[in-house]
Amino acid sequence: IGINVKGLHTFADPKQAIQEAKGFFTGG
């Protein structure tokens, strides 16, 4: 559907990644 996904675990600074993210999906 034309959306790129990157795992939160891959970021050196996950807090900053959350602050800069455009949206989120948390799986089960």
mmCIF file of all heavy atoms, coordinates in Angstrom:
data_MODEL
# 
_entry.id   MODEL 
# 
loop_
_atom_site.group_PDB 
_atom_site.id 
_atom_site.type_symbol 
_atom_site.label_atom_id 
_atom_site.label_alt_id 
_atom_site.label_comp_id 
_atom_site.label_asym_id 
_atom_site.label_entity_id 
_atom_site.label_seq_id 
_atom_site.pdbx_PDB_ins_code 
_atom_site.Cartn_x 
_atom_site.Cartn_y 
_atom_site.Cartn_z 
_atom_site.occupancy 
_atom_site.B_iso_or_equiv 
_atom_site.pdbx_formal_charge 
_atom_site.auth_seq_id 
_atom_site.auth_comp_id 
_atom_site.auth_asym_id 
_atom_site.auth_atom_id 
_atom_site.pdbx_PDB_model_num 
ATOM 1   N N   . ILE A 1 1  ? 0.829  -1.209 0.000  1.00 0.00 ? 1  ILE A N   1 
ATOM 2   C CA  . ILE A 1 1  ? 0.000  0.000  0.000  1.00 0.00 ? 1  ILE A CA  1 
ATOM 3   C C   . ILE A 1 1  ? 0.869  1.267  0.000  1.00 0.00 ? 1  ILE A C   1 
ATOM 4   O O   . ILE A 1 1  ? 0.420  2.345  0.386  1.00 0.00 ? 1  ILE A O   1 
ATOM 5   C CB  . ILE A 1 1  ? -0.997 0.011  1.176  1.00 0.00 ? 1  ILE A CB  1 
ATOM 6   C CG1 . ILE A 1 1  ? -0.280 -0.133 2.525  1.00 0.00 ? 1  ILE A CG1 1 
ATOM 7   C CG2 . ILE A 1 1  ? -2.025 -1.092 1.016  1.00 0.00 ? 1  ILE A CG2 1 
ATOM 8   C CD1 . ILE A 1 1  ? -1.225 0.016  3.725  1.00 0.00 ? 1  ILE A CD1 1 
ATOM 9   N N   . GLY A 1 2  ? 2.125  1.090  -0.411 1.00 0.00 ? 2  GLY A N   1 
ATOM 10  C CA  . GLY A 1 2  ? 2.993  2.240  -0.627 1.00 0.00 ? 2  GLY A CA  1 
ATOM 11  C C   . GLY A 1 2  ? 3.588  2.867  0.618  1.00 0.00 ? 2  GLY A C   1 
ATOM 12  O O   . GLY A 1 2  ? 3.939  4.051  0.615  1.00 0.00 ? 2  GLY A O   1 
ATOM 13  N N   . ILE A 1 3  ? 3.753  2.072  1.671  1.00 0.00 ? 3  ILE A N   1 
ATOM 14  C CA  . ILE A 1 3  ? 4.305  2.590  2.925  1.00 0.00 ? 3  ILE A CA  1 
ATOM 15  C C   . ILE A 1 3  ? 5.553  1.800  3.307  1.00 0.00 ? 3  ILE A C   1 
ATOM 16  O O   . ILE A 1 3  ? 5.534  0.562  3.333  1.00 0.00 ? 3  ILE A O   1 
ATOM 17  C CB  . ILE A 1 3  ? 3.268  2.518  4.058  1.00 0.00 ? 3  ILE A CB  1 
ATOM 18  C CG1 . ILE A 1 3  ? 2.066  3.420  3.731  1.00 0.00 ? 3  ILE A CG1 1 
ATOM 19  C CG2 . ILE A 1 3  ? 3.885  2.939  5.394  1.00 0.00 ? 3  ILE A CG2 1 
ATOM 20  C CD1 . ILE A 1 3  ? 0.933  3.322  4.737  1.00 0.00 ? 3  ILE A CD1 1 
ATOM 21  N N   . ASN A 1 4  ? 6.621  2.501  3.609  1.00 0.00 ? 4  ASN A N   1 
ATOM 22  C CA  . ASN A 1 4  ? 7.869  1.871  4.046  1.00 0.00 ? 4  ASN A CA  1 
ATOM 23  C C   . ASN A 1 4  ? 7.817  1.625  5.553  1.00 0.00 ? 4  ASN A C   1 
ATOM 24  O O   . ASN A 1 4  ? 7.329  2.463  6.307  1.00 0.00 ? 4  ASN A O   1 
ATOM 25  C CB  . ASN A 1 4  ? 9.056  2.777  3.705  1.00 0.00 ? 4  ASN A CB  1 
ATOM 26  C CG  . ASN A 1 4  ? 10.378 2.147  4.112  1.00 0.00 ? 4  ASN A CG  1 
ATOM 27  O OD1 . ASN A 1 4  ? 10.769 1.101  3.614  1.00 0.00 ? 4  ASN A OD1 1 
ATOM 28  N ND2 . ASN A 1 4  ? 11.069 2.802  5.047  1.00 0.00 ? 4  ASN A ND2 1 
ATOM 29  N N   . VAL A 1 5  ? 8.327  0.484  5.981  1.00 0.00 ? 5  VAL A N   1 
ATOM 30  C CA  . VAL A 1 5  ? 8.323  0.105  7.392  1.00 0.00 ? 5  VAL A CA  1 
ATOM 31  C C   . VAL A 1 5  ? 9.741  -0.146 7.870  1.00 0.00 ? 5  VAL A C   1 
ATOM 32  O O   . VAL A 1 5  ? 10.522 -0.821 7.202  1.00 0.00 ? 5  VAL A O   1 
ATOM 33  C CB  . VAL A 1 5  ? 7.473  -1.167 7.626  1.00 0.00 ? 5  VAL A CB  1 
ATOM 34  C CG1 . VAL A 1 5  ? 7.662  -1.695 9.041  1.00 0.00 ? 5  VAL A CG1 1 
ATOM 35  C CG2 . VAL A 1 5  ? 6.004  -0.882 7.372  1.00 0.00 ? 5  VAL A CG2 1 
ATOM 36  N N   . LYS A 1 6  ? 10.042 0.391  9.051  1.00 0.00 ? 6  LYS A N   1 
ATOM 37  C CA  . LYS A 1 6  ? 11.338 0.131  9.688  1.00 0.00 ? 6  LYS A CA  1 
ATOM 38  C C   . LYS A 1 6  ? 11.090 -0.270 11.137 1.00 0.00 ? 6  LYS A C   1 
ATOM 39  O O   . LYS A 1 6  ? 10.263 0.332  11.820 1.00 0.00 ? 6  LYS A O   1 
ATOM 40  C CB  . LYS A 1 6  ? 12.239 1.368  9.626  1.00 0.00 ? 6  LYS A CB  1 
ATOM 41  C CG  . LYS A 1 6  ? 13.682 1.087  10.055 1.00 0.00 ? 6  LYS A CG  1 
ATOM 42  C CD  . LYS A 1 6  ? 14.600 2.270  9.760  1.00 0.00 ? 6  LYS A CD  1 
ATOM 43  C CE  . LYS A 1 6  ? 16.043 1.947  10.137 1.00 0.00 ? 6  LYS A CE  1 
ATOM 44  N NZ  . LYS A 1 6  ? 16.954 3.097  9.857  1.00 0.00 ? 6  LYS A NZ  1 
ATOM 45  N N   . GLY A 1 7  ? 11.787 -1.303 11.595 1.00 0.00 ? 7  GLY A N   1 
ATOM 46  C CA  . GLY A 1 7  ? 11.606 -1.800 12.954 1.00 0.00 ? 7  GLY A CA  1 
ATOM 47  C C   . GLY A 1 7  ? 12.212 -0.865 13.993 1.00 0.00 ? 7  GLY A C   1 
ATOM 48  O O   . GLY A 1 7  ? 13.323 -0.357 13.808 1.00 0.00 ? 7  GLY A O   1 
ATOM 49  N N   . LEU A 1 8  ? 11.497 -0.662 15.093 1.00 0.00 ? 8  LEU A N   1 
ATOM 50  C CA  . LEU A 1 8  ? 11.998 0.218  16.149 1.00 0.00 ? 8  LEU A CA  1 
ATOM 51  C C   . LEU A 1 8  ? 13.305 -0.307 16.733 1.00 0.00 ? 8  LEU A C   1 
ATOM 52  O O   . LEU A 1 8  ? 14.160 0.478  17.163 1.00 0.00 ? 8  LEU A O   1 
ATOM 53  C CB  . LEU A 1 8  ? 10.938 0.344  17.247 1.00 0.00 ? 8  LEU A CB  1 
ATOM 54  C CG  . LEU A 1 8  ? 11.232 1.307  18.394 1.00 0.00 ? 8  LEU A CG  1 
ATOM 55  C CD1 . LEU A 1 8  ? 11.481 2.728  17.880 1.00 0.00 ? 8  LEU A CD1 1 
ATOM 56  C CD2 . LEU A 1 8  ? 10.097 1.302  19.412 1.00 0.00 ? 8  LEU A CD2 1 
ATOM 57  N N   . HIS A 1 9  ? 13.483 -1.614 16.712 1.00 0.00 ? 9  HIS A N   1 
ATOM 58  C CA  . HIS A 1 9  ? 14.684 -2.229 17.288 1.00 0.00 ? 9  HIS A CA  1 
ATOM 59  C C   . HIS A 1 9  ? 15.950 -1.900 16.511 1.00 0.00 ? 9  HIS A C   1 
ATOM 60  O O   . HIS A 1 9  ? 17.065 -2.123 17.011 1.00 0.00 ? 9  HIS A O   1 
ATOM 61  C CB  . HIS A 1 9  ? 14.512 -3.752 17.345 1.00 0.00 ? 9  HIS A CB  1 
ATOM 62  C CG  . HIS A 1 9  ? 14.438 -4.395 15.996 1.00 0.00 ? 9  HIS A CG  1 
ATOM 63  N ND1 . HIS A 1 9  ? 13.366 -4.222 15.135 1.00 0.00 ? 9  HIS A ND1 1 
ATOM 64  C CD2 . HIS A 1 9  ? 15.313 -5.212 15.339 1.00 0.00 ? 9  HIS A CD2 1 
ATOM 65  C CE1 . HIS A 1 9  ? 13.581 -4.898 14.028 1.00 0.00 ? 9  HIS A CE1 1 
ATOM 66  N NE2 . HIS A 1 9  ? 14.751 -5.517 14.119 1.00 0.00 ? 9  HIS A NE2 1 
ATOM 67  N N   . THR A 1 10 ? 15.814 -1.366 15.305 1.00 0.00 ? 10 THR A N   1 
ATOM 68  C CA  . THR A 1 10 ? 16.992 -1.100 14.474 1.00 0.00 ? 10 THR A CA  1 
ATOM 69  C C   . THR A 1 10 ? 17.589 0.290  14.703 1.00 0.00 ? 10 THR A C   1 
ATOM 70  O O   . THR A 1 10 ? 18.661 0.596  14.185 1.00 0.00 ? 10 THR A O   1 
ATOM 71  C CB  . THR A 1 10 ? 16.647 -1.227 12.978 1.00 0.00 ? 10 THR A CB  1 
ATOM 72  O OG1 . THR A 1 10 ? 15.687 -0.222 12.614 1.00 0.00 ? 10 THR A OG1 1 
ATOM 73  C CG2 . THR A 1 10 ? 16.082 -2.609 12.678 1.00 0.00 ? 10 THR A CG2 1 
ATOM 74  N N   . PHE A 1 11 ? 16.906 1.116  15.474 1.00 0.00 ? 11 PHE A N   1 
ATOM 75  C CA  . PHE A 1 11 ? 17.378 2.483  15.694 1.00 0.00 ? 11 PHE A CA  1 
ATOM 76  C C   . PHE A 1 11 ? 18.338 2.551  16.878 1.00 0.00 ? 11 PHE A C   1 
ATOM 77  O O   . PHE A 1 11 ? 18.090 1.947  17.928 1.00 0.00 ? 11 PHE A O   1 
ATOM 78  C CB  . PHE A 1 11 ? 16.203 3.423  15.956 1.00 0.00 ? 11 PHE A CB  1 
ATOM 79  C CG  . PHE A 1 11 ? 15.328 3.676  14.759 1.00 0.00 ? 11 PHE A CG  1 
ATOM 80  C CD1 . PHE A 1 11 ? 14.253 2.835  14.487 1.00 0.00 ? 11 PHE A CD1 1 
ATOM 81  C CD2 . PHE A 1 11 ? 15.578 4.743  13.916 1.00 0.00 ? 11 PHE A CD2 1 
ATOM 82  C CE1 . PHE A 1 11 ? 13.442 3.059  13.386 1.00 0.00 ? 11 PHE A CE1 1 
ATOM 83  C CE2 . PHE A 1 11 ? 14.765 4.980  12.809 1.00 0.00 ? 11 PHE A CE2 1 
ATOM 84  C CZ  . PHE A 1 11 ? 13.698 4.142  12.541 1.00 0.00 ? 11 PHE A CZ  1 
ATOM 85  N N   . ALA A 1 12 ? 19.421 3.304  16.714 1.00 0.00 ? 12 ALA A N   1 
ATOM 86  C CA  . ALA A 1 12 ? 20.371 3.496  17.806 1.00 0.00 ? 12 ALA A CA  1 
ATOM 87  C C   . ALA A 1 12 ? 19.729 4.266  18.950 1.00 0.00 ? 12 ALA A C   1 
ATOM 88  O O   . ALA A 1 12 ? 20.051 4.033  20.123 1.00 0.00 ? 12 ALA A O   1 
ATOM 89  C CB  . ALA A 1 12 ? 21.613 4.236  17.295 1.00 0.00 ? 12 ALA A CB  1 
ATOM 90  N N   . ASP A 1 13 ? 18.841 5.190  18.626 1.00 0.00 ? 13 ASP A N   1 
ATOM 91  C CA  . ASP A 1 13 ? 18.132 5.986  19.632 1.00 0.00 ? 13 ASP A CA  1 
ATOM 92  C C   . ASP A 1 13 ? 16.632 5.834  19.390 1.00 0.00 ? 13 ASP A C   1 
ATOM 93  O O   . ASP A 1 13 ? 16.032 6.625  18.669 1.00 0.00 ? 13 ASP A O   1 
ATOM 94  C CB  . ASP A 1 13 ? 18.549 7.454  19.537 1.00 0.00 ? 13 ASP A CB  1 
ATOM 95  C CG  . ASP A 1 13 ? 17.993 8.298  20.677 1.00 0.00 ? 13 ASP A CG  1 
ATOM 96  O OD1 . ASP A 1 13 ? 17.009 7.880  21.317 1.00 0.00 ? 13 ASP A OD1 1 
ATOM 97  O OD2 . ASP A 1 13 ? 18.549 9.397  20.927 1.00 0.00 ? 13 ASP A OD2 1 
ATOM 98  N N   . PRO A 1 14 ? 15.994 4.811  19.992 1.00 0.00 ? 14 PRO A N   1 
ATOM 99  C CA  . PRO A 1 14 ? 14.580 4.565  19.727 1.00 0.00 ? 14 PRO A CA  1 
ATOM 100 C C   . PRO A 1 14 ? 13.665 5.694  20.193 1.00 0.00 ? 14 PRO A C   1 
ATOM 101 O O   . PRO A 1 14 ? 12.616 5.926  19.594 1.00 0.00 ? 14 PRO A O   1 
ATOM 102 C CB  . PRO A 1 14 ? 14.287 3.263  20.471 1.00 0.00 ? 14 PRO A CB  1 
ATOM 103 C CG  . PRO A 1 14 ? 15.388 3.112  21.457 1.00 0.00 ? 14 PRO A CG  1 
ATOM 104 C CD  . PRO A 1 14 ? 16.581 3.777  20.857 1.00 0.00 ? 14 PRO A CD  1 
ATOM 105 N N   . LYS A 1 15 ? 14.056 6.411  21.242 1.00 0.00 ? 15 LYS A N   1 
ATOM 106 C CA  . LYS A 1 15 ? 13.236 7.548  21.686 1.00 0.00 ? 15 LYS A CA  1 
ATOM 107 C C   . LYS A 1 15 ? 13.178 8.613  20.604 1.00 0.00 ? 15 LYS A C   1 
ATOM 108 O O   . LYS A 1 15 ? 12.111 9.150  20.284 1.00 0.00 ? 15 LYS A O   1 
ATOM 109 C CB  . LYS A 1 15 ? 13.793 8.132  22.982 1.00 0.00 ? 15 LYS A CB  1 
ATOM 110 C CG  . LYS A 1 15 ? 13.571 7.273  24.208 1.00 0.00 ? 15 LYS A CG  1 
ATOM 111 C CD  . LYS A 1 15 ? 14.033 7.982  25.467 1.00 0.00 ? 15 LYS A CD  1 
ATOM 112 C CE  . LYS A 1 15 ? 13.794 7.138  26.702 1.00 0.00 ? 15 LYS A CE  1 
ATOM 113 N NZ  . LYS A 1 15 ? 14.224 7.832  27.939 1.00 0.00 ? 15 LYS A NZ  1 
ATOM 114 N N   . GLN A 1 16 ? 14.322 8.930  20.051 1.00 0.00 ? 16 GLN A N   1 
ATOM 115 C CA  . GLN A 1 16 ? 14.371 9.923  18.977 1.00 0.00 ? 16 GLN A CA  1 
ATOM 116 C C   . GLN A 1 16 ? 13.599 9.416  17.759 1.00 0.00 ? 16 GLN A C   1 
ATOM 117 O O   . GLN A 1 16 ? 12.910 10.194 17.086 1.00 0.00 ? 16 GLN A O   1 
ATOM 118 C CB  . GLN A 1 16 ? 15.812 10.224 18.597 1.00 0.00 ? 16 GLN A CB  1 
ATOM 119 C CG  . GLN A 1 16 ? 15.940 11.298 17.518 1.00 0.00 ? 16 GLN A CG  1 
ATOM 120 C CD  . GLN A 1 16 ? 17.388 11.607 17.167 1.00 0.00 ? 16 GLN A CD  1 
ATOM 121 O OE1 . GLN A 1 16 ? 18.314 11.120 17.802 1.00 0.00 ? 16 GLN A OE1 1 
ATOM 122 N NE2 . GLN A 1 16 ? 17.588 12.416 16.141 1.00 0.00 ? 16 GLN A NE2 1 
ATOM 123 N N   . ALA A 1 17 ? 13.707 8.117  17.489 1.00 0.00 ? 17 ALA A N   1 
ATOM 124 C CA  . ALA A 1 17 ? 12.992 7.541  16.350 1.00 0.00 ? 17 ALA A CA  1 
ATOM 125 C C   . ALA A 1 17 ? 11.487 7.720  16.518 1.00 0.00 ? 17 ALA A C   1 
ATOM 126 O O   . ALA A 1 17 ? 10.778 8.064  15.555 1.00 0.00 ? 17 ALA A O   1 
ATOM 127 C CB  . ALA A 1 17 ? 13.343 6.063  16.210 1.00 0.00 ? 17 ALA A CB  1 
ATOM 128 N N   . ILE A 1 18 ? 10.978 7.497  17.715 1.00 0.00 ? 18 ILE A N   1 
ATOM 129 C CA  . ILE A 1 18 ? 9.550  7.682  17.981 1.00 0.00 ? 18 ILE A CA  1 
ATOM 130 C C   . ILE A 1 18 ? 9.158  9.135  17.803 1.00 0.00 ? 18 ILE A C   1 
ATOM 131 O O   . ILE A 1 18 ? 8.121  9.451  17.200 1.00 0.00 ? 18 ILE A O   1 
ATOM 132 C CB  . ILE A 1 18 ? 9.201  7.188  19.405 1.00 0.00 ? 18 ILE A CB  1 
ATOM 133 C CG1 . ILE A 1 18 ? 9.277  5.650  19.455 1.00 0.00 ? 18 ILE A CG1 1 
ATOM 134 C CG2 . ILE A 1 18 ? 7.825  7.679  19.832 1.00 0.00 ? 18 ILE A CG2 1 
ATOM 135 C CD1 . ILE A 1 18 ? 9.120  5.069  20.845 1.00 0.00 ? 18 ILE A CD1 1 
ATOM 136 N N   . GLN A 1 19 ? 9.982  10.028 18.289 1.00 0.00 ? 19 GLN A N   1 
ATOM 137 C CA  . GLN A 1 19 ? 9.690  11.455 18.182 1.00 0.00 ? 19 GLN A CA  1 
ATOM 138 C C   . GLN A 1 19 ? 9.643  11.917 16.729 1.00 0.00 ? 19 GLN A C   1 
ATOM 139 O O   . GLN A 1 19 ? 8.862  12.801 16.369 1.00 0.00 ? 19 GLN A O   1 
ATOM 140 C CB  . GLN A 1 19 ? 10.732 12.255 18.963 1.00 0.00 ? 19 GLN A CB  1 
ATOM 141 C CG  . GLN A 1 19 ? 10.670 12.044 20.465 1.00 0.00 ? 19 GLN A CG  1 
ATOM 142 C CD  . GLN A 1 19 ? 11.904 12.564 21.198 1.00 0.00 ? 19 GLN A CD  1 
ATOM 143 O OE1 . GLN A 1 19 ? 12.820 13.124 20.583 1.00 0.00 ? 19 GLN A OE1 1 
ATOM 144 N NE2 . GLN A 1 19 ? 11.944 12.374 22.503 1.00 0.00 ? 19 GLN A NE2 1 
ATOM 145 N N   . GLU A 1 20 ? 10.467 11.304 15.887 1.00 0.00 ? 20 GLU A N   1 
ATOM 146 C CA  . GLU A 1 20 ? 10.555 11.731 14.488 1.00 0.00 ? 20 GLU A CA  1 
ATOM 147 C C   . GLU A 1 20 ? 9.683  10.915 13.552 1.00 0.00 ? 20 GLU A C   1 
ATOM 148 O O   . GLU A 1 20 ? 9.528  11.276 12.372 1.00 0.00 ? 20 GLU A O   1 
ATOM 149 C CB  . GLU A 1 20 ? 12.017 11.647 14.033 1.00 0.00 ? 20 GLU A CB  1 
ATOM 150 C CG  . GLU A 1 20 ? 12.944 12.606 14.792 1.00 0.00 ? 20 GLU A CG  1 
ATOM 151 C CD  . GLU A 1 20 ? 14.399 12.464 14.380 1.00 0.00 ? 20 GLU A CD  1 
ATOM 152 O OE1 . GLU A 1 20 ? 14.706 11.534 13.596 1.00 0.00 ? 20 GLU A OE1 1 
ATOM 153 O OE2 . GLU A 1 20 ? 15.223 13.270 14.847 1.00 0.00 ? 20 GLU A OE2 1 
ATOM 154 N N   . ALA A 1 21 ? 9.066  9.854  14.035 1.00 0.00 ? 21 ALA A N   1 
ATOM 155 C CA  . ALA A 1 21 ? 8.270  8.963  13.184 1.00 0.00 ? 21 ALA A CA  1 
ATOM 156 C C   . ALA A 1 21 ? 6.991  9.636  12.701 1.00 0.00 ? 21 ALA A C   1 
ATOM 157 O O   . ALA A 1 21 ? 6.467  10.562 13.329 1.00 0.00 ? 21 ALA A O   1 
ATOM 158 C CB  . ALA A 1 21 ? 7.922  7.694  13.951 1.00 0.00 ? 21 ALA A CB  1 
ATOM 159 N N   . LYS A 1 22 ? 6.485  9.127  11.575 1.00 0.00 ? 22 LYS A N   1 
ATOM 160 C CA  . LYS A 1 22 ? 5.230  9.634  11.022 1.00 0.00 ? 22 LYS A CA  1 
ATOM 161 C C   . LYS A 1 22 ? 4.025  8.820  11.493 1.00 0.00 ? 22 LYS A C   1 
ATOM 162 O O   . LYS A 1 22 ? 2.890  9.312  11.453 1.00 0.00 ? 22 LYS A O   1 
ATOM 163 C CB  . LYS A 1 22 ? 5.295  9.612  9.498  1.00 0.00 ? 22 LYS A CB  1 
ATOM 164 C CG  . LYS A 1 22 ? 6.379  10.514 8.919  1.00 0.00 ? 22 LYS A CG  1 
ATOM 165 C CD  . LYS A 1 22 ? 6.430  10.401 7.392  1.00 0.00 ? 22 LYS A CD  1 
ATOM 166 C CE  . LYS A 1 22 ? 7.525  11.270 6.807  1.00 0.00 ? 22 LYS A CE  1 
ATOM 167 N NZ  . LYS A 1 22 ? 7.587  11.142 5.324  1.00 0.00 ? 22 LYS A NZ  1 
ATOM 168 N N   . GLY A 1 23 ? 4.257  7.573  11.896 1.00 0.00 ? 23 GLY A N   1 
ATOM 169 C CA  . GLY A 1 23 ? 3.181  6.713  12.358 1.00 0.00 ? 23 GLY A CA  1 
ATOM 170 C C   . GLY A 1 23 ? 3.738  5.412  12.909 1.00 0.00 ? 23 GLY A C   1 
ATOM 171 O O   . GLY A 1 23 ? 4.951  5.146  12.798 1.00 0.00 ? 23 GLY A O   1 
ATOM 172 N N   . PHE A 1 24 ? 2.857  4.587  13.485 1.00 0.00 ? 24 PHE A N   1 
ATOM 173 C CA  . PHE A 1 24 ? 3.310  3.395  14.200 1.00 0.00 ? 24 PHE A CA  1 
ATOM 174 C C   . PHE A 1 24 ? 2.368  2.216  13.992 1.00 0.00 ? 24 PHE A C   1 
ATOM 175 O O   . PHE A 1 24 ? 1.166  2.376  13.828 1.00 0.00 ? 24 PHE A O   1 
ATOM 176 C CB  . PHE A 1 24 ? 3.377  3.670  15.710 1.00 0.00 ? 24 PHE A CB  1 
ATOM 177 C CG  . PHE A 1 24 ? 4.146  4.895  16.079 1.00 0.00 ? 24 PHE A CG  1 
ATOM 178 C CD1 . PHE A 1 24 ? 3.491  6.106  16.261 1.00 0.00 ? 24 PHE A CD1 1 
ATOM 179 C CD2 . PHE A 1 24 ? 5.518  4.850  16.237 1.00 0.00 ? 24 PHE A CD2 1 
ATOM 180 C CE1 . PHE A 1 24 ? 4.186  7.253  16.604 1.00 0.00 ? 24 PHE A CE1 1 
ATOM 181 C CE2 . PHE A 1 24 ? 6.235  5.987  16.573 1.00 0.00 ? 24 PHE A CE2 1 
ATOM 182 C CZ  . PHE A 1 24 ? 5.562  7.193  16.757 1.00 0.00 ? 24 PHE A CZ  1 
ATOM 183 N N   . PHE A 1 25 ? 2.960  1.018  14.025 1.00 0.00 ? 25 PHE A N   1 
ATOM 184 C CA  . PHE A 1 25 ? 2.207  -0.239 14.077 1.00 0.00 ? 25 PHE A CA  1 
ATOM 185 C C   . PHE A 1 25 ? 2.879  -1.139 15.091 1.00 0.00 ? 25 PHE A C   1 
ATOM 186 O O   . PHE A 1 25 ? 4.076  -1.404 14.995 1.00 0.00 ? 25 PHE A O   1 
ATOM 187 C CB  . PHE A 1 25 ? 2.160  -0.896 12.705 1.00 0.00 ? 25 PHE A CB  1 
ATOM 188 C CG  . PHE A 1 25 ? 1.586  -2.297 12.695 1.00 0.00 ? 25 PHE A CG  1 
ATOM 189 C CD1 . PHE A 1 25 ? 0.561  -2.673 13.557 1.00 0.00 ? 25 PHE A CD1 1 
ATOM 190 C CD2 . PHE A 1 25 ? 2.047  -3.251 11.787 1.00 0.00 ? 25 PHE A CD2 1 
ATOM 191 C CE1 . PHE A 1 25 ? 0.028  -3.960 13.543 1.00 0.00 ? 25 PHE A CE1 1 
ATOM 192 C CE2 . PHE A 1 25 ? 1.520  -4.533 11.755 1.00 0.00 ? 25 PHE A CE2 1 
ATOM 193 C CZ  . PHE A 1 25 ? 0.505  -4.887 12.642 1.00 0.00 ? 25 PHE A CZ  1 
ATOM 194 N N   . THR A 1 26 ? 2.121  -1.591 16.093 1.00 0.00 ? 26 THR A N   1 
ATOM 195 C CA  . THR A 1 26 ? 2.634  -2.542 17.074 1.00 0.00 ? 26 THR A CA  1 
ATOM 196 C C   . THR A 1 26 ? 1.923  -3.865 16.887 1.00 0.00 ? 26 THR A C   1 
ATOM 197 O O   . THR A 1 26 ? 0.697  -3.943 16.986 1.00 0.00 ? 26 THR A O   1 
ATOM 198 C CB  . THR A 1 26 ? 2.418  -2.040 18.519 1.00 0.00 ? 26 THR A CB  1 
ATOM 199 O OG1 . THR A 1 26 ? 3.040  -0.766 18.682 1.00 0.00 ? 26 THR A OG1 1 
ATOM 200 C CG2 . THR A 1 26 ? 3.024  -3.025 19.514 1.00 0.00 ? 26 THR A CG2 1 
ATOM 201 N N   . GLY A 1 27 ? 2.688  -4.914 16.607 1.00 0.00 ? 27 GLY A N   1 
ATOM 202 C CA  . GLY A 1 27 ? 2.119  -6.218 16.338 1.00 0.00 ? 27 GLY A CA  1 
ATOM 203 C C   . GLY A 1 27 ? 1.833  -7.015 17.593 1.00 0.00 ? 27 GLY A C   1 
ATOM 204 O O   . GLY A 1 27 ? 2.164  -6.609 18.712 1.00 0.00 ? 27 GLY A O   1 
ATOM 205 N N   . GLY A 1 28 ? 1.206  -8.177 17.405 1.00 0.00 ? 28 GLY A N   1 
ATOM 206 C CA  . GLY A 1 28 ? 0.810  -9.024 18.516 1.00 0.00 ? 28 GLY A CA  1 
ATOM 207 C C   . GLY A 1 28 ? 1.912  -9.954 18.989 1.00 0.00 ? 28 GLY A C   1 
ATOM 208 O O   . GLY A 1 28 ? 3.017  -9.978 18.451 1.00 0.00 ? 28 GLY A O   1 
# 
